[in-house]
């Protein structure tokens, strides 16, 4: 860091000063991201479930947060980046359950081993998620920051970027200096938050910023489907944060909405505020954001959606008036195996539907074992193997594709009924744009209705591009994992009586 060193001569008189500036700042970069659905089936996530191990320069291109950070950092001529070994790409994504403590320790230990070898460093950037859940580690991201702090010491700045679905509290900023959270859902601004982290670190390393923080917990828990920032009051909350940042120089305001399907003690909404050495300002902003979120709690935590049979009627009316294509979000299906909508649409006679996609690894294995080929007749049950998935749905038609897609070695496409098709995948798969369906025999232009396993991210390609004039979000026919009925979840580490809308937070 720059240091102004006074040279004292004789009786303490200052004879002069020398501005010593390093040629470069060394910044360590690591990523460890998982959105953990602790109530989902499939077993704990072990080290072997992380499909990639990133090293060195691979880390510097790992996802949009990191790429945003690296792009901004390289605009400075005095930053040298050091990638630390990092895990990437959990099989099954956010539908997977708890991470094991052994896997967590393994990956963090590898990062710290690389960090010690790279010392001294002048800054640390962590691309995290915020909703990771680890057996016996109540606050994983805060624990990562604590372990990094133990290595780099008290004076090296640590900045992190997060998904707005993160579950955090004051613990993270007890060990780190900055938390930059996406303000848009879908997360169009992930690279922007990474870039902000790079600028913040450079300010601290250059001696022009003194991180001062404040944290508040509004006491509200919400299902992620209601957190879409394209609607009020979610958009108003994030706009208020941006307004504070515009009004107050050097203020950063981050809002976590939380991820209710992680059974962790810091679940729910959180506000993190960072200022340049001004604790009073940090507290004032944090109090305002806390009070504002509480004031809009009823509208923010509310939200109701049609169940499958009603959704089928909505879709048929849209088809009749020509308001196609129609994008249907099966928002609650965390495992990806639910057949409720397929069954309801079949009963109602909805045609030209692409179901993309339903998970059923056993079915795929059986097709491969039987030597199935494109063009073979198909008559089998699909999905419905978890309580939230309902029951298997029998589909009779033609196997039109068996091969690779979306990073999987084997998926199947089955064409059936009046212009319908279903994609069978080995694990939960969220599709966010219609062009992803242009593979094998599939042409998205041939379908009127697209059913995707998504809460909000599908709006990126289907809604906010203008592709689909009709958007229908569908609720499950029961209080399953992923639905808006959070009080049906068997929490062990969360007391819903202390969180709105299921109870009253302390002090409210």
Foldseek 3Di string as FASTA:
>chain_A
DWDWDFDADDPRDGPDTDTDDDQAFEEEEEEEEAQAQQPADDDAFELVQQPDKDAWCSRCPADLLSVLLNVLLVVDSHYDYTYFIYTHDGVQGHRHHAHEPVRLCVRLVRRVVSCLVPPPGQEYEYEYAQNHHYPPPQGSLLVSLQVVCVRNDDQRAYEYEYELQHQDWCSNCVRHQYYFYALAVVRPCSSVSSSVRNVVNVCSSVPNFDKDKDKDALQAAAFVLLCHLVDPPNVVLSVLQVVLPVVDDQKHKGKRQHHLSRLHQRGGIMIMMIHRPDNVSNVVSNVVSSVVCNVCRVSSRDDDAAAQLVVLVVLVVCVVVPQFQEEEAQQQDSFQQACRNVVNNVVSVPAQEEEEAHEDQPVLVVCVVVVHDAFAWDWDWGGPPDPLRHHTDTFTATWHDWADAPHDGTKTWGAGDHNYIYIYHNTADFDQAQCSQPDRPDDSVRGGYYYGHHSGSNCVHCPPVPNGSHYHYHAYPDDDGRGRNSVVDPRDNYDCCQHPPNHPNPPD
